[in-house]
Amino acid sequence: MRESVVRRLLRSSGRGYLLEAVVCFGSLVVLIGLGVLMLPMAFANEADKPFAWLLTLLLLGGLCGLWALIQLVSKVVVPTREVASPRAIVIMLLLGVASLLTFYSHWTLSPAANLMLVVLPLIGSAHFLFLARGYLARRG
């Protein structure tokens, strides 16, 4: 009987990295999900179109960054796995970080929210970039 991919992954040495990803980016995934649910309501309000477009750009940037992080975490946890090109990952991650910093500059957050929504994701991103530096720095 074949062992499932998830079960094999949880038993591997990369499970600590998966836990780190959940801790660092779980709150952002929830926030992006709530933003996607809120987006139609933002456009339904005729009075505040700039907010609706800002929310759209922040969500698109967040989804780009989330995609890049999934690629990085996949490469770190399973080094033999084929993922996107290093250039695509870096560009998408930069879009995600720009979106995160724009979010931070537009809203005043409590210290706990700053930690969960800004500091932990930035530290996690830097750590996964460091761990995948060999793949990201390769030529070709």
C-alpha atoms as a PDB file:
ATOM      1  CA  MET A   1       0.000   0.000   0.000  1.00  0.00           C
ATOM      2  CA  ARG A   2       1.406   3.407  -1.012  1.00  0.00           C
ATOM      3  CA  GLU A   3       1.846   6.070   1.582  1.00  0.00           C
ATOM      4  CA  SER A   4       0.115   9.358   0.751  1.00  0.00           C
ATOM      5  CA  VAL A   5       2.171  12.426  -0.149  1.00  0.00           C
ATOM      6  CA  VAL A   6       0.889  14.366   2.861  1.00  0.00           C
ATOM      7  CA  ARG A   7       1.691  11.557   5.282  1.00  0.00           C
ATOM      8  CA  ARG A   8       5.175  11.119   3.801  1.00  0.00           C
ATOM      9  CA  LEU A   9       5.753  14.880   4.014  1.00  0.00           C
ATOM     10  CA  LEU A  10       4.656  15.077   7.648  1.00  0.00           C
ATOM     11  CA  ARG A  11       7.055  12.244   8.548  1.00  0.00           C
ATOM     12  CA  SER A  12       9.971  13.858   6.722  1.00  0.00           C
ATOM     13  CA  SER A  13      12.544  16.238   8.121  1.00  0.00           C
ATOM     14  CA  GLY A  14      10.756  19.164   6.437  1.00  0.00           C
ATOM     15  CA  ARG A  15       7.807  19.169   8.806  1.00  0.00           C
ATOM     16  CA  GLY A  16       9.443  21.885  10.919  1.00  0.00           C
ATOM     17  CA  TYR A  17       9.509  24.104   7.851  1.00  0.00           C
ATOM     18  CA  LEU A  18       5.838  23.399   7.235  1.00  0.00           C
ATOM     19  CA  LEU A  19       5.059  24.393  10.815  1.00  0.00           C
ATOM     20  CA  GLU A  20       7.092  27.568  10.354  1.00  0.00           C
ATOM     21  CA  ALA A  21       5.146  28.395   7.184  1.00  0.00           C
ATOM     22  CA  VAL A  22       1.806  27.899   8.945  1.00  0.00           C
ATOM     23  CA  VAL A  23       2.847  30.053  11.910  1.00  0.00           C
ATOM     24  CA  CYS A  24       4.353  32.825   9.784  1.00  0.00           C
ATOM     25  CA  PHE A  25       1.781  32.984   6.995  1.00  0.00           C
ATOM     26  CA  GLY A  26      -1.415  31.492   8.410  1.00  0.00           C
ATOM     27  CA  SER A  27      -2.814  34.845   9.516  1.00  0.00           C
ATOM     28  CA  LEU A  28      -2.116  36.342   6.095  1.00  0.00           C
ATOM     29  CA  VAL A  29      -3.889  33.457   4.364  1.00  0.00           C
ATOM     30  CA  VAL A  30      -6.948  34.119   6.535  1.00  0.00           C
ATOM     31  CA  LEU A  31      -6.717  37.863   5.819  1.00  0.00           C
ATOM     32  CA  ILE A  32      -6.454  37.276   2.060  1.00  0.00           C
ATOM     33  CA  GLY A  33      -9.450  34.925   2.215  1.00  0.00           C
ATOM     34  CA  LEU A  34     -11.500  37.529   4.068  1.00  0.00           C
ATOM     35  CA  GLY A  35     -10.390  40.146   1.557  1.00  0.00           C
ATOM     36  CA  VAL A  36     -11.545  38.002  -1.354  1.00  0.00           C
ATOM     37  CA  LEU A  37     -14.937  37.602   0.346  1.00  0.00           C
ATOM     38  CA  MET A  38     -15.103  41.359   1.010  1.00  0.00           C
ATOM     39  CA  LEU A  39     -14.137  42.430  -2.514  1.00  0.00           C
ATOM     40  CA  PRO A  40     -17.647  42.286  -4.073  1.00  0.00           C
ATOM     41  CA  MET A  41     -19.004  44.332  -1.174  1.00  0.00           C
ATOM     42  CA  ALA A  42     -16.263  46.923  -1.655  1.00  0.00           C
ATOM     43  CA  PHE A  43     -17.293  47.409  -5.284  1.00  0.00           C
ATOM     44  CA  ALA A  44     -21.004  47.462  -4.381  1.00  0.00           C
ATOM     45  CA  ASN A  45     -20.467  50.678  -2.422  1.00  0.00           C
ATOM     46  CA  GLU A  46     -20.490  53.393  -5.099  1.00  0.00           C
ATOM     47  CA  ALA A  47     -18.949  56.049  -2.859  1.00  0.00           C
ATOM     48  CA  ASP A  48     -15.521  54.536  -2.252  1.00  0.00           C
ATOM     49  CA  LYS A  49     -14.081  53.269  -5.564  1.00  0.00           C
ATOM     50  CA  PRO A  50     -10.435  54.094  -4.689  1.00  0.00           C
ATOM     51  CA  PHE A  51     -10.666  51.809  -1.648  1.00  0.00           C
ATOM     52  CA  ALA A  52     -12.099  48.999  -3.778  1.00  0.00           C
ATOM     53  CA  TRP A  53      -9.259  49.286  -6.294  1.00  0.00           C
ATOM     54  CA  LEU A  54      -6.655  49.478  -3.514  1.00  0.00           C
ATOM     55  CA  LEU A  55      -8.151  46.347  -1.960  1.00  0.00           C
ATOM     56  CA  THR A  56      -8.034  44.630  -5.360  1.00  0.00           C
ATOM     57  CA  LEU A  57      -4.356  45.499  -5.851  1.00  0.00           C
ATOM     58  CA  LEU A  58      -3.469  44.422  -2.317  1.00  0.00           C
ATOM     59  CA  LEU A  59      -5.240  41.089  -2.805  1.00  0.00           C
ATOM     60  CA  LEU A  60      -3.569  40.457  -6.165  1.00  0.00           C
ATOM     61  CA  GLY A  61      -0.161  41.273  -4.691  1.00  0.00           C
ATOM     62  CA  GLY A  62      -0.897  39.073  -1.686  1.00  0.00           C
ATOM     63  CA  LEU A  63      -1.920  36.172  -3.890  1.00  0.00           C
ATOM     64  CA  CYS A  64       1.264  36.582  -5.956  1.00  0.00           C
ATOM     65  CA  GLY A  65       3.358  36.552  -2.798  1.00  0.00           C
ATOM     66  CA  LEU A  66       1.485  33.552  -1.442  1.00  0.00           C
ATOM     67  CA  TRP A  67       2.099  31.648  -4.682  1.00  0.00           C
ATOM     68  CA  ALA A  68       5.820  32.468  -4.479  1.00  0.00           C
ATOM     69  CA  LEU A  69       5.991  31.324  -0.861  1.00  0.00           C
ATOM     70  CA  ILE A  70       4.285  28.048  -1.703  1.00  0.00           C
ATOM     71  CA  GLN A  71       6.933  27.529  -4.395  1.00  0.00           C
ATOM     72  CA  LEU A  72       9.762  28.347  -1.961  1.00  0.00           C
ATOM     73  CA  VAL A  73       8.416  26.145   0.824  1.00  0.00           C
ATOM     74  CA  SER A  74       7.901  23.296  -1.652  1.00  0.00           C
ATOM     75  CA  LYS A  75      11.495  23.586  -2.852  1.00  0.00           C
ATOM     76  CA  VAL A  76      12.886  23.751   0.690  1.00  0.00           C
ATOM     77  CA  VAL A  77      10.846  20.808   2.001  1.00  0.00           C
ATOM     78  CA  VAL A  78      11.307  18.595  -1.086  1.00  0.00           C
ATOM     79  CA  PRO A  79      14.516  19.747  -2.840  1.00  0.00           C
ATOM     80  CA  THR A  80      13.989  17.428  -5.817  1.00  0.00           C
ATOM     81  CA  ARG A  81      10.585  18.932  -6.584  1.00  0.00           C
ATOM     82  CA  GLU A  82      10.200  20.954  -9.767  1.00  0.00           C
ATOM     83  CA  VAL A  83       8.986  24.480  -9.035  1.00  0.00           C
ATOM     84  CA  ALA A  84       8.741  27.726 -10.972  1.00  0.00           C
ATOM     85  CA  SER A  85      11.803  29.536 -12.258  1.00  0.00           C
ATOM     86  CA  PRO A  86      13.855  31.491  -9.728  1.00  0.00           C
ATOM     87  CA  ARG A  87      13.110  34.753 -11.543  1.00  0.00           C
ATOM     88  CA  ALA A  88       9.338  34.193 -11.366  1.00  0.00           C
ATOM     89  CA  ILE A  89       9.535  33.329  -7.683  1.00  0.00           C
ATOM     90  CA  VAL A  90      11.556  36.428  -6.816  1.00  0.00           C
ATOM     91  CA  ILE A  91       9.325  38.765  -8.844  1.00  0.00           C
ATOM     92  CA  MET A  92       6.147  37.358  -7.323  1.00  0.00           C
ATOM     93  CA  LEU A  93       7.633  37.482  -3.830  1.00  0.00           C
ATOM     94  CA  LEU A  94       8.582  41.139  -4.349  1.00  0.00           C
ATOM     95  CA  LEU A  95       5.003  41.876  -5.409  1.00  0.00           C
ATOM     96  CA  GLY A  96       3.779  40.186  -2.245  1.00  0.00           C
ATOM     97  CA  VAL A  97       6.176  42.117  -0.018  1.00  0.00           C
ATOM     98  CA  ALA A  98       5.194  45.400  -1.728  1.00  0.00           C
ATOM     99  CA  SER A  99       1.545  44.557  -1.104  1.00  0.00           C
ATOM    100  CA  LEU A 100       2.281  43.747   2.536  1.00  0.00           C
ATOM    101  CA  LEU A 101       4.168  47.006   3.088  1.00  0.00           C
ATOM    102  CA  THR A 102       1.406  48.990   1.360  1.00  0.00           C
ATOM    103  CA  PHE A 103      -1.129  47.352   3.662  1.00  0.00           C
ATOM    104  CA  TYR A 104       1.047  48.264   6.661  1.00  0.00           C
ATOM    105  CA  SER A 105       1.397  51.886   5.566  1.00  0.00           C
ATOM    106  CA  HIS A 106      -2.346  52.419   5.008  1.00  0.00           C
ATOM    107  CA  TRP A 107      -3.751  51.004   8.233  1.00  0.00           C
ATOM    108  CA  THR A 108      -2.815  51.469  11.872  1.00  0.00           C
ATOM    109  CA  LEU A 109      -2.555  48.081  13.533  1.00  0.00           C
ATOM    110  CA  SER A 110      -2.156  47.004  17.127  1.00  0.00           C
ATOM    111  CA  PRO A 111       1.254  45.636  18.151  1.00  0.00           C
ATOM    112  CA  ALA A 112      -0.097  42.062  18.108  1.00  0.00           C
ATOM    113  CA  ALA A 113      -1.589  42.540  14.633  1.00  0.00           C
ATOM    114  CA  ASN A 114       1.702  44.061  13.438  1.00  0.00           C
ATOM    115  CA  LEU A 115       3.532  40.998  14.678  1.00  0.00           C
ATOM    116  CA  MET A 116       1.121  38.511  13.092  1.00  0.00           C
ATOM    117  CA  LEU A 117       0.458  40.314   9.810  1.00  0.00           C
ATOM    118  CA  VAL A 118       3.736  42.113   9.067  1.00  0.00           C
ATOM    119  CA  VAL A 119       6.724  41.039  11.147  1.00  0.00           C
ATOM    120  CA  LEU A 120       6.290  37.243  11.083  1.00  0.00           C
ATOM    121  CA  PRO A 121       5.612  37.101   7.320  1.00  0.00           C
ATOM    122  CA  LEU A 122       8.655  39.265   6.571  1.00  0.00           C
ATOM    123  CA  ILE A 123      10.895  37.142   8.798  1.00  0.00           C
ATOM    124  CA  GLY A 124       9.454  33.927   7.344  1.00  0.00           C
ATOM    125  CA  SER A 125       9.962  35.181   3.796  1.00  0.00           C
ATOM    126  CA  ALA A 126      13.559  36.123   4.531  1.00  0.00           C
ATOM    127  CA  HIS A 127      14.197  32.718   6.107  1.00  0.00           C
ATOM    128  CA  PHE A 128      12.732  30.762   3.194  1.00  0.00           C
ATOM    129  CA  LEU A 129      14.664  32.948   0.748  1.00  0.00           C
ATOM    130  CA  PHE A 130      17.819  32.095   2.689  1.00  0.00           C
ATOM    131  CA  LEU A 131      17.025  28.385   2.711  1.00  0.00           C
ATOM    132  CA  ALA A 132      16.340  28.342  -1.042  1.00  0.00           C
ATOM    133  CA  ARG A 133      19.277  30.594  -1.940  1.00  0.00           C
ATOM    134  CA  GLY A 134      21.047  27.803  -3.814  1.00  0.00           C
ATOM    135  CA  TYR A 135      18.094  27.306  -6.130  1.00  0.00           C
ATOM    136  CA  LEU A 136      17.363  31.026  -6.492  1.00  0.00           C
ATOM    137  CA  ALA A 137      20.971  31.947  -7.310  1.00  0.00           C
ATOM    138  CA  ARG A 138      21.457  29.335 -10.015  1.00  0.00           C
ATOM    139  CA  ARG A 139      21.920  30.482 -13.608  1.00  0.00           C
ATOM    140  CA  GLY A 140      19.688  29.393 -16.446  1.00  0.00           C
END
